[in-house]
Amino acid sequence: MKKSFIKDYAINKCFAEFFSDVLCELKRKNKQYNYYCKKEELILNNYPRIRKVLEDKEACSLTMEEVNNLILLLDVKQRKYDIELKEIFIKGLNEKI
């Protein structure tokens, strides 16, 4: 059964839960999005200082290799965000129809 934002989320729940459901669906159904999620986790697991900078907001010096991977990670995050925005936009169009 197709989920409706207005019926299933706006009345009983909140947008954050709707967004979370969309992300879970993307991970299951969108191979490119799933690839970016795995790539992001791989970089963060291989470079713990990058994780420390981004997640803990702790300043520390990075090697050139870490800086290059930070740049790659930011690109991966942007690509994920672009897919998320497109999916939310499409869901909104479906609501309108």
C-alpha atoms as a PDB file:
ATOM      1  CA  MET A   1       0.000   0.000   0.000  1.00  0.00           C
ATOM      2  CA  LYS A   2       1.376   3.399  -0.990  1.00  0.00           C
ATOM      3  CA  LYS A   3       2.268   5.660   1.934  1.00  0.00           C
ATOM      4  CA  SER A   4       0.815   9.118   1.953  1.00  0.00           C
ATOM      5  CA  PHE A   5       2.707  11.928   3.638  1.00  0.00           C
ATOM      6  CA  ILE A   6      -0.469  13.737   4.641  1.00  0.00           C
ATOM      7  CA  LYS A   7      -2.313  10.654   5.910  1.00  0.00           C
ATOM      8  CA  ASP A   8       0.561   8.717   7.425  1.00  0.00           C
ATOM      9  CA  TYR A   9       2.969  11.399   8.642  1.00  0.00           C
ATOM     10  CA  ALA A  10       1.608  14.918   8.856  1.00  0.00           C
ATOM     11  CA  ILE A  11      -1.382  13.946  10.973  1.00  0.00           C
ATOM     12  CA  ASN A  12       0.098  11.282  13.255  1.00  0.00           C
ATOM     13  CA  LYS A  13       3.865  11.601  12.964  1.00  0.00           C
ATOM     14  CA  CYS A  14       6.517  14.108  11.993  1.00  0.00           C
ATOM     15  CA  PHE A  15       8.558  14.942   8.925  1.00  0.00           C
ATOM     16  CA  ALA A  16      11.741  13.528  10.480  1.00  0.00           C
ATOM     17  CA  GLU A  17      10.179  10.074  10.586  1.00  0.00           C
ATOM     18  CA  PHE A  18       9.000  10.428   6.981  1.00  0.00           C
ATOM     19  CA  PHE A  19      12.522  11.433   5.932  1.00  0.00           C
ATOM     20  CA  SER A  20      14.004   8.509   7.850  1.00  0.00           C
ATOM     21  CA  ASP A  21      11.641   6.104   6.076  1.00  0.00           C
ATOM     22  CA  VAL A  22      12.624   7.575   2.700  1.00  0.00           C
ATOM     23  CA  LEU A  23      16.337   7.044   3.499  1.00  0.00           C
ATOM     24  CA  CYS A  24      15.735   3.435   4.531  1.00  0.00           C
ATOM     25  CA  GLU A  25      13.813   2.842   1.314  1.00  0.00           C
ATOM     26  CA  LEU A  26      16.617   4.431  -0.711  1.00  0.00           C
ATOM     27  CA  LYS A  27      19.190   2.124   0.895  1.00  0.00           C
ATOM     28  CA  ARG A  28      17.090  -0.890  -0.040  1.00  0.00           C
ATOM     29  CA  LYS A  29      16.045   0.106  -3.548  1.00  0.00           C
ATOM     30  CA  ASN A  30      18.643   2.504  -4.969  1.00  0.00           C
ATOM     31  CA  LYS A  31      21.939   0.752  -5.746  1.00  0.00           C
ATOM     32  CA  GLN A  32      23.811   4.006  -6.338  1.00  0.00           C
ATOM     33  CA  TYR A  33      22.646   5.462  -3.005  1.00  0.00           C
ATOM     34  CA  ASN A  34      23.561   2.227  -1.235  1.00  0.00           C
ATOM     35  CA  TYR A  35      27.014   2.343  -2.853  1.00  0.00           C
ATOM     36  CA  TYR A  36      27.554   5.892  -1.555  1.00  0.00           C
ATOM     37  CA  CYS A  37      26.450   4.861   1.953  1.00  0.00           C
ATOM     38  CA  LYS A  38      28.966   2.010   1.976  1.00  0.00           C
ATOM     39  CA  LYS A  39      31.706   4.239   0.528  1.00  0.00           C
ATOM     40  CA  GLU A  40      31.059   6.843   3.239  1.00  0.00           C
ATOM     41  CA  GLU A  41      31.258   4.241   5.997  1.00  0.00           C
ATOM     42  CA  LEU A  42      34.404   2.709   4.499  1.00  0.00           C
ATOM     43  CA  ILE A  43      36.197   6.064   4.483  1.00  0.00           C
ATOM     44  CA  LEU A  44      35.088   6.881   8.038  1.00  0.00           C
ATOM     45  CA  ASN A  45      36.171   3.443   9.286  1.00  0.00           C
ATOM     46  CA  ASN A  46      39.555   3.630   7.542  1.00  0.00           C
ATOM     47  CA  TYR A  47      40.280   7.203   8.664  1.00  0.00           C
ATOM     48  CA  PRO A  48      39.154   7.655  12.270  1.00  0.00           C
ATOM     49  CA  ARG A  49      40.570  11.195  12.453  1.00  0.00           C
ATOM     50  CA  ILE A  50      38.218  12.244   9.663  1.00  0.00           C
ATOM     51  CA  ARG A  51      35.336  10.823  11.706  1.00  0.00           C
ATOM     52  CA  LYS A  52      36.611  12.716  14.739  1.00  0.00           C
ATOM     53  CA  VAL A  53      36.652  15.990  12.799  1.00  0.00           C
ATOM     54  CA  LEU A  54      33.206  15.555  11.252  1.00  0.00           C
ATOM     55  CA  GLU A  55      31.241  13.808  13.990  1.00  0.00           C
ATOM     56  CA  ASP A  56      32.916  15.026  17.171  1.00  0.00           C
ATOM     57  CA  LYS A  57      33.788  18.438  15.708  1.00  0.00           C
ATOM     58  CA  GLU A  58      37.245  18.064  17.181  1.00  0.00           C
ATOM     59  CA  ALA A  59      40.139  19.852  15.507  1.00  0.00           C
ATOM     60  CA  CYS A  60      43.159  17.727  14.655  1.00  0.00           C
ATOM     61  CA  SER A  61      45.849  17.709  12.014  1.00  0.00           C
ATOM     62  CA  LEU A  62      45.324  15.486   9.009  1.00  0.00           C
ATOM     63  CA  THR A  63      47.829  13.888   6.677  1.00  0.00           C
ATOM     64  CA  MET A  64      47.632  14.646   2.965  1.00  0.00           C
ATOM     65  CA  GLU A  65      46.061  11.198   2.439  1.00  0.00           C
ATOM     66  CA  GLU A  66      43.405  12.010   5.044  1.00  0.00           C
ATOM     67  CA  VAL A  67      42.734  15.402   3.446  1.00  0.00           C
ATOM     68  CA  ASN A  68      42.277  13.739   0.045  1.00  0.00           C
ATOM     69  CA  ASN A  69      39.870  11.228   1.566  1.00  0.00           C
ATOM     70  CA  LEU A  70      38.026  14.002   3.386  1.00  0.00           C
ATOM     71  CA  ILE A  71      37.506  15.710   0.018  1.00  0.00           C
ATOM     72  CA  LEU A  72      36.285  12.405  -1.430  1.00  0.00           C
ATOM     73  CA  LEU A  73      33.979  11.899   1.549  1.00  0.00           C
ATOM     74  CA  LEU A  74      32.467  15.362   1.162  1.00  0.00           C
ATOM     75  CA  ASP A  75      31.805  14.585  -2.505  1.00  0.00           C
ATOM     76  CA  VAL A  76      30.143  11.275  -1.564  1.00  0.00           C
ATOM     77  CA  LYS A  77      28.001  13.039   1.049  1.00  0.00           C
ATOM     78  CA  GLN A  78      26.930  15.636  -1.531  1.00  0.00           C
ATOM     79  CA  ARG A  79      25.974  12.935  -4.025  1.00  0.00           C
ATOM     80  CA  LYS A  80      23.923  11.172  -1.333  1.00  0.00           C
ATOM     81  CA  TYR A  81      22.235  14.459  -0.443  1.00  0.00           C
ATOM     82  CA  ASP A  82      21.383  15.104  -4.107  1.00  0.00           C
ATOM     83  CA  ILE A  83      19.714  11.682  -4.361  1.00  0.00           C
ATOM     84  CA  GLU A  84      17.811  12.325  -1.113  1.00  0.00           C
ATOM     85  CA  LEU A  85      16.537  15.714  -2.310  1.00  0.00           C
ATOM     86  CA  LYS A  86      15.409  14.262  -5.620  1.00  0.00           C
ATOM     87  CA  GLU A  87      13.571  11.433  -3.858  1.00  0.00           C
ATOM     88  CA  ILE A  88      11.814  13.781  -1.423  1.00  0.00           C
ATOM     89  CA  PHE A  89      10.859  16.039  -4.349  1.00  0.00           C
ATOM     90  CA  ILE A  90       9.402  13.091  -6.270  1.00  0.00           C
ATOM     91  CA  LYS A  91       7.470  11.937  -3.187  1.00  0.00           C
ATOM     92  CA  GLY A  92       6.040  15.450  -2.902  1.00  0.00           C
ATOM     93  CA  LEU A  93       4.985  15.410  -6.554  1.00  0.00           C
ATOM     94  CA  ASN A  94       3.257  12.082  -6.000  1.00  0.00           C
ATOM     95  CA  GLU A  95       1.320  13.624  -3.104  1.00  0.00           C
ATOM     96  CA  LYS A  96       0.136  16.445  -5.342  1.00  0.00           C
ATOM     97  CA  ILE A  97      -1.134  14.070  -8.034  1.00  0.00           C
END
